[in-house]
Amino acid sequence: MLTSPLFSSAPEQRRRRVQLVVAAQVLFVLLVAVAGYAVSHYGRTVALRTSPIDPRDLLRGDYVSLNYDISQVPRRLWRGEDEPRRRRPVYVQLQPTAAGYYTAVAVYPAAPATLPADHVVLRGWVGNVWRQGLQLRYGLERYYVPENTGLGLQRQPLLVRVSIAPWGQSRITGIEKLPAVGPK
């Protein structure tokens, strides 16, 4: 009986494909983990003032929904030629305040080329557009906390530490309570 090379190598080719798929999945998981650590290592940490909203998820445990001061900005901060549109990426220029946290000073449709040394850019997207303002989202609006600690953070000003990598990725690195002293 004659065997064709096409049929004799089929199991070997299948095995190589499976090995390639498994290797790609392992590589992807490793890259996701390394990216998270790289943001903390190479990123610049800034403090953002926020107010928590809803502290409980029945399926996932305690979390805090965060409403940052930089989530609603005046329309006058927009620096684009075209009008801002929902679901479009934006780059928010932040500057430090004397109180120790950062505040938004400009919103760009593309990453700004130059910044003052103490400023940083946080990538986000437009959630909503109003005549007088913009609602922005950053992917940092939910922070999971240890069980039964979410209620202790509810309705209290917080200072959230965010690490922002040079390539634009960001992650929450810490959260602390601020004394409640009137309006923001």
C-alpha atoms as a PDB file:
ATOM      1  CA  MET A   1       0.000   0.000   0.000  1.00  0.00           C
ATOM      2  CA  LEU A   2       1.320   3.377  -0.992  1.00  0.00           C
ATOM      3  CA  THR A   3       1.137   6.236   1.438  1.00  0.00           C
ATOM      4  CA  SER A   4       1.117   9.764   0.253  1.00  0.00           C
ATOM      5  CA  PRO A   5       3.202  12.377   2.091  1.00  0.00           C
ATOM      6  CA  LEU A   6       0.039  14.453   2.283  1.00  0.00           C
ATOM      7  CA  PHE A   7      -1.713  11.840   4.440  1.00  0.00           C
ATOM      8  CA  SER A   8       1.275  10.757   6.519  1.00  0.00           C
ATOM      9  CA  SER A   9       2.047  14.286   7.743  1.00  0.00           C
ATOM     10  CA  ALA A  10      -1.547  15.239   8.582  1.00  0.00           C
ATOM     11  CA  PRO A  11      -1.368  14.167  12.271  1.00  0.00           C
ATOM     12  CA  GLU A  12       1.979  15.923  12.628  1.00  0.00           C
ATOM     13  CA  GLN A  13       0.602  19.143  11.081  1.00  0.00           C
ATOM     14  CA  ARG A  14      -2.446  18.970  13.327  1.00  0.00           C
ATOM     15  CA  ARG A  15      -0.195  18.541  16.365  1.00  0.00           C
ATOM     16  CA  ARG A  16       1.879  21.575  15.332  1.00  0.00           C
ATOM     17  CA  ARG A  17      -1.248  23.677  14.879  1.00  0.00           C
ATOM     18  CA  VAL A  18      -2.504  22.710  18.333  1.00  0.00           C
ATOM     19  CA  GLN A  19       0.903  23.537  19.824  1.00  0.00           C
ATOM     20  CA  LEU A  20       0.867  26.903  18.058  1.00  0.00           C
ATOM     21  CA  VAL A  21      -2.620  27.729  19.339  1.00  0.00           C
ATOM     22  CA  VAL A  22      -1.680  26.758  22.913  1.00  0.00           C
ATOM     23  CA  ALA A  23       1.551  28.786  22.713  1.00  0.00           C
ATOM     24  CA  ALA A  24      -0.368  31.822  21.410  1.00  0.00           C
ATOM     25  CA  GLN A  25      -2.855  31.601  24.291  1.00  0.00           C
ATOM     26  CA  VAL A  26      -0.098  31.300  26.896  1.00  0.00           C
ATOM     27  CA  LEU A  27       1.756  34.227  25.319  1.00  0.00           C
ATOM     28  CA  PHE A  28      -1.408  36.353  25.371  1.00  0.00           C
ATOM     29  CA  VAL A  29      -2.000  35.678  29.089  1.00  0.00           C
ATOM     30  CA  LEU A  30       1.620  36.502  29.889  1.00  0.00           C
ATOM     31  CA  LEU A  31       1.485  39.750  27.889  1.00  0.00           C
ATOM     32  CA  VAL A  32      -1.680  40.870  29.692  1.00  0.00           C
ATOM     33  CA  ALA A  33      -0.026  40.244  33.071  1.00  0.00           C
ATOM     34  CA  VAL A  34       3.209  41.987  32.045  1.00  0.00           C
ATOM     35  CA  ALA A  35       1.268  44.972  30.672  1.00  0.00           C
ATOM     36  CA  GLY A  36      -0.447  45.472  34.029  1.00  0.00           C
ATOM     37  CA  TYR A  37       2.854  45.447  35.903  1.00  0.00           C
ATOM     38  CA  ALA A  38       4.504  47.642  33.277  1.00  0.00           C
ATOM     39  CA  VAL A  39       1.890  50.365  33.821  1.00  0.00           C
ATOM     40  CA  SER A  40       2.728  50.456  37.526  1.00  0.00           C
ATOM     41  CA  HIS A  41       6.483  50.290  36.937  1.00  0.00           C
ATOM     42  CA  TYR A  42       6.885  52.737  34.051  1.00  0.00           C
ATOM     43  CA  GLY A  43       3.799  54.858  34.653  1.00  0.00           C
ATOM     44  CA  ARG A  44       3.524  58.156  36.420  1.00  0.00           C
ATOM     45  CA  THR A  45       1.236  58.050  39.451  1.00  0.00           C
ATOM     46  CA  VAL A  46      -1.265  60.874  39.854  1.00  0.00           C
ATOM     47  CA  ALA A  47      -3.996  61.489  42.421  1.00  0.00           C
ATOM     48  CA  LEU A  48      -7.563  62.152  41.295  1.00  0.00           C
ATOM     49  CA  ARG A  49     -10.381  63.404  43.511  1.00  0.00           C
ATOM     50  CA  THR A  50     -13.602  61.400  43.304  1.00  0.00           C
ATOM     51  CA  SER A  51     -16.870  60.611  45.004  1.00  0.00           C
ATOM     52  CA  PRO A  52     -18.054  56.989  45.284  1.00  0.00           C
ATOM     53  CA  ILE A  53     -21.548  56.023  44.152  1.00  0.00           C
ATOM     54  CA  ASP A  54     -22.701  52.385  44.502  1.00  0.00           C
ATOM     55  CA  PRO A  55     -20.689  49.966  46.657  1.00  0.00           C
ATOM     56  CA  ARG A  56     -22.146  46.475  46.076  1.00  0.00           C
ATOM     57  CA  ASP A  57     -22.434  43.881  43.317  1.00  0.00           C
ATOM     58  CA  LEU A  58     -24.178  40.678  44.363  1.00  0.00           C
ATOM     59  CA  LEU A  59     -22.152  38.507  41.992  1.00  0.00           C
ATOM     60  CA  ARG A  60     -18.703  40.076  42.332  1.00  0.00           C
ATOM     61  CA  GLY A  61     -18.647  41.471  45.863  1.00  0.00           C
ATOM     62  CA  ASP A  62     -17.944  44.973  47.080  1.00  0.00           C
ATOM     63  CA  TYR A  63     -16.824  47.654  44.699  1.00  0.00           C
ATOM     64  CA  VAL A  64     -16.937  51.392  44.491  1.00  0.00           C
ATOM     65  CA  SER A  65     -18.228  53.195  41.396  1.00  0.00           C
ATOM     66  CA  LEU A  66     -16.110  56.295  41.111  1.00  0.00           C
ATOM     67  CA  ASN A  67     -17.275  59.666  39.807  1.00  0.00           C
ATOM     68  CA  TYR A  68     -14.084  61.671  39.234  1.00  0.00           C
ATOM     69  CA  ASP A  69     -13.979  65.461  39.258  1.00  0.00           C
ATOM     70  CA  ILE A  70     -12.400  65.133  35.791  1.00  0.00           C
ATOM     71  CA  SER A  71     -15.343  63.058  34.505  1.00  0.00           C
ATOM     72  CA  GLN A  72     -17.462  66.162  33.851  1.00  0.00           C
ATOM     73  CA  VAL A  73     -15.481  69.002  32.337  1.00  0.00           C
ATOM     74  CA  PRO A  74     -16.567  72.379  30.941  1.00  0.00           C
ATOM     75  CA  ARG A  75     -16.890  72.556  27.164  1.00  0.00           C
ATOM     76  CA  ARG A  76     -14.364  75.425  27.082  1.00  0.00           C
ATOM     77  CA  LEU A  77     -11.574  72.874  27.761  1.00  0.00           C
ATOM     78  CA  TRP A  78     -12.130  71.243  24.320  1.00  0.00           C
ATOM     79  CA  ARG A  79      -9.121  71.880  22.042  1.00  0.00           C
ATOM     80  CA  GLY A  80     -10.262  70.159  18.839  1.00  0.00           C
ATOM     81  CA  GLU A  81     -11.225  71.814  15.568  1.00  0.00           C
ATOM     82  CA  ASP A  82     -14.256  69.537  15.123  1.00  0.00           C
ATOM     83  CA  GLU A  83     -17.039  69.219  17.658  1.00  0.00           C
ATOM     84  CA  PRO A  84     -16.614  66.456  20.260  1.00  0.00           C
ATOM     85  CA  ARG A  85     -18.690  63.325  19.572  1.00  0.00           C
ATOM     86  CA  ARG A  86     -19.832  60.441  21.747  1.00  0.00           C
ATOM     87  CA  ARG A  87     -17.676  57.311  21.906  1.00  0.00           C
ATOM     88  CA  ARG A  88     -14.657  59.124  20.428  1.00  0.00           C
ATOM     89  CA  PRO A  89     -11.260  58.842  22.142  1.00  0.00           C
ATOM     90  CA  VAL A  90      -9.916  61.906  23.934  1.00  0.00           C
ATOM     91  CA  TYR A  91      -6.733  62.845  25.743  1.00  0.00           C
ATOM     92  CA  VAL A  92      -7.181  64.863  28.921  1.00  0.00           C
ATOM     93  CA  GLN A  93      -4.312  67.075  30.043  1.00  0.00           C
ATOM     94  CA  LEU A  94      -4.027  67.060  33.832  1.00  0.00           C
ATOM     95  CA  GLN A  95      -2.120  69.463  36.044  1.00  0.00           C
ATOM     96  CA  PRO A  96      -1.362  69.167  39.753  1.00  0.00           C
ATOM     97  CA  THR A  97      -3.166  71.403  42.242  1.00  0.00           C
ATOM     98  CA  ALA A  98      -1.906  72.794  45.532  1.00  0.00           C
ATOM     99  CA  ALA A  99      -4.273  70.355  47.303  1.00  0.00           C
ATOM    100  CA  GLY A 100      -2.240  67.368  46.021  1.00  0.00           C
ATOM    101  CA  TYR A 101      -4.516  66.004  43.304  1.00  0.00           C
ATOM    102  CA  TYR A 102      -4.703  66.576  39.547  1.00  0.00           C
ATOM    103  CA  THR A 103      -7.351  68.499  37.649  1.00  0.00           C
ATOM    104  CA  ALA A 104      -8.239  68.715  33.937  1.00  0.00           C
ATOM    105  CA  VAL A 105      -6.981  71.766  32.040  1.00  0.00           C
ATOM    106  CA  ALA A 106      -7.579  70.694  28.405  1.00  0.00           C
ATOM    107  CA  VAL A 107      -9.256  67.939  26.368  1.00  0.00           C
ATOM    108  CA  TYR A 108      -7.771  66.961  22.991  1.00  0.00           C
ATOM    109  CA  PRO A 109      -9.028  64.674  20.195  1.00  0.00           C
ATOM    110  CA  ALA A 110      -5.418  63.431  19.699  1.00  0.00           C
ATOM    111  CA  ALA A 111      -2.483  63.141  22.078  1.00  0.00           C
ATOM    112  CA  PRO A 112      -0.833  66.557  22.533  1.00  0.00           C
ATOM    113  CA  ALA A 113       2.735  66.792  21.228  1.00  0.00           C
ATOM    114  CA  THR A 114       4.211  68.732  24.144  1.00  0.00           C
ATOM    115  CA  LEU A 115       3.288  69.236  27.772  1.00  0.00           C
ATOM    116  CA  PRO A 116       4.762  71.105  30.727  1.00  0.00           C
ATOM    117  CA  ALA A 117       6.961  68.824  32.856  1.00  0.00           C
ATOM    118  CA  ASP A 118       4.482  68.517  35.735  1.00  0.00           C
ATOM    119  CA  HIS A 119       1.473  67.769  33.487  1.00  0.00           C
ATOM    120  CA  VAL A 120       0.288  64.332  32.393  1.00  0.00           C
ATOM    121  CA  VAL A 121      -2.180  63.028  29.794  1.00  0.00           C
ATOM    122  CA  LEU A 122      -4.934  60.534  30.631  1.00  0.00           C
ATOM    123  CA  ARG A 123      -6.621  58.707  27.752  1.00  0.00           C
ATOM    124  CA  GLY A 124     -10.406  58.347  27.816  1.00  0.00           C
ATOM    125  CA  TRP A 125     -13.453  58.712  25.608  1.00  0.00           C
ATOM    126  CA  VAL A 126     -16.465  60.973  25.365  1.00  0.00           C
ATOM    127  CA  GLY A 127     -19.483  59.564  27.174  1.00  0.00           C
ATOM    128  CA  ASN A 128     -21.836  62.442  26.482  1.00  0.00           C
ATOM    129  CA  VAL A 129     -21.788  65.962  25.047  1.00  0.00           C
ATOM    130  CA  TRP A 130     -23.811  68.890  26.362  1.00  0.00           C
ATOM    131  CA  ARG A 131     -23.935  72.529  25.364  1.00  0.00           C
ATOM    132  CA  GLN A 132     -21.847  73.560  28.391  1.00  0.00           C
ATOM    133  CA  GLY A 133     -19.824  70.431  29.119  1.00  0.00           C
ATOM    134  CA  LEU A 134     -18.494  66.988  28.360  1.00  0.00           C
ATOM    135  CA  GLN A 135     -18.904  63.733  30.247  1.00  0.00           C
ATOM    136  CA  LEU A 136     -15.732  61.664  29.968  1.00  0.00           C
ATOM    137  CA  ARG A 137     -14.986  58.028  30.815  1.00  0.00           C
ATOM    138  CA  TYR A 138     -11.578  56.545  31.537  1.00  0.00           C
ATOM    139  CA  GLY A 139     -12.146  52.858  32.253  1.00  0.00           C
ATOM    140  CA  LEU A 140     -11.256  53.598  35.890  1.00  0.00           C
ATOM    141  CA  GLU A 141     -14.800  54.076  37.166  1.00  0.00           C
ATOM    142  CA  ARG A 142     -15.066  50.827  39.141  1.00  0.00           C
ATOM    143  CA  TYR A 143     -12.717  49.689  41.914  1.00  0.00           C
ATOM    144  CA  TYR A 144     -13.200  46.401  43.765  1.00  0.00           C
ATOM    145  CA  VAL A 145     -12.532  46.459  47.503  1.00  0.00           C
ATOM    146  CA  PRO A 146     -12.323  43.735  50.180  1.00  0.00           C
ATOM    147  CA  GLU A 147     -15.642  42.249  51.277  1.00  0.00           C
ATOM    148  CA  ASN A 148     -17.738  44.423  53.639  1.00  0.00           C
ATOM    149  CA  THR A 149     -15.596  47.550  53.142  1.00  0.00           C
ATOM    150  CA  GLY A 150     -17.547  49.172  50.297  1.00  0.00           C
ATOM    151  CA  LEU A 151     -20.204  50.683  52.567  1.00  0.00           C
ATOM    152  CA  GLY A 152     -17.461  52.416  54.573  1.00  0.00           C
ATOM    153  CA  LEU A 153     -16.373  54.255  51.415  1.00  0.00           C
ATOM    154  CA  GLN A 154     -19.858  55.287  50.303  1.00  0.00           C
ATOM    155  CA  ARG A 155     -20.734  59.010  50.193  1.00  0.00           C
ATOM    156  CA  GLN A 156     -17.278  60.156  51.188  1.00  0.00           C
ATOM    157  CA  PRO A 157     -14.696  62.026  49.102  1.00  0.00           C
ATOM    158  CA  LEU A 158     -11.829  59.795  48.003  1.00  0.00           C
ATOM    159  CA  LEU A 159      -8.385  60.307  46.575  1.00  0.00           C
ATOM    160  CA  VAL A 160      -7.613  57.685  43.935  1.00  0.00           C
ATOM    161  CA  ARG A 161      -4.025  56.973  42.894  1.00  0.00           C
ATOM    162  CA  VAL A 162      -3.789  56.189  39.182  1.00  0.00           C
ATOM    163  CA  SER A 163      -0.662  55.076  37.363  1.00  0.00           C
ATOM    164  CA  ILE A 164      -0.518  56.321  33.770  1.00  0.00           C
ATOM    165  CA  ALA A 165       2.000  54.658  31.450  1.00  0.00           C
ATOM    166  CA  PRO A 166       3.765  56.673  28.726  1.00  0.00           C
ATOM    167  CA  TRP A 167       1.834  54.694  26.064  1.00  0.00           C
ATOM    168  CA  GLY A 168      -1.530  55.775  27.536  1.00  0.00           C
ATOM    169  CA  GLN A 169      -2.656  52.725  29.517  1.00  0.00           C
ATOM    170  CA  SER A 170      -3.781  53.460  33.088  1.00  0.00           C
ATOM    171  CA  ARG A 171      -4.797  51.575  36.216  1.00  0.00           C
ATOM    172  CA  ILE A 172      -5.855  52.330  39.765  1.00  0.00           C
ATOM    173  CA  THR A 173      -3.028  51.642  42.224  1.00  0.00           C
ATOM    174  CA  GLY A 174      -4.612  52.842  45.442  1.00  0.00           C
ATOM    175  CA  ILE A 175      -7.543  54.579  47.098  1.00  0.00           C
ATOM    176  CA  GLU A 176      -7.762  56.596  50.304  1.00  0.00           C
ATOM    177  CA  LYS A 177     -10.422  58.495  52.209  1.00  0.00           C
ATOM    178  CA  LEU A 178     -10.429  62.298  52.319  1.00  0.00           C
ATOM    179  CA  PRO A 179     -12.002  64.267  55.117  1.00  0.00           C
ATOM    180  CA  ALA A 180     -15.507  65.429  54.154  1.00  0.00           C
ATOM    181  CA  VAL A 181     -15.193  69.232  54.075  1.00  0.00           C
ATOM    182  CA  GLY A 182     -18.079  70.674  52.050  1.00  0.00           C
ATOM    183  CA  PRO A 183     -18.409  70.853  48.247  1.00  0.00           C
ATOM    184  CA  LYS A 184     -15.616  69.960  45.846  1.00  0.00           C
END
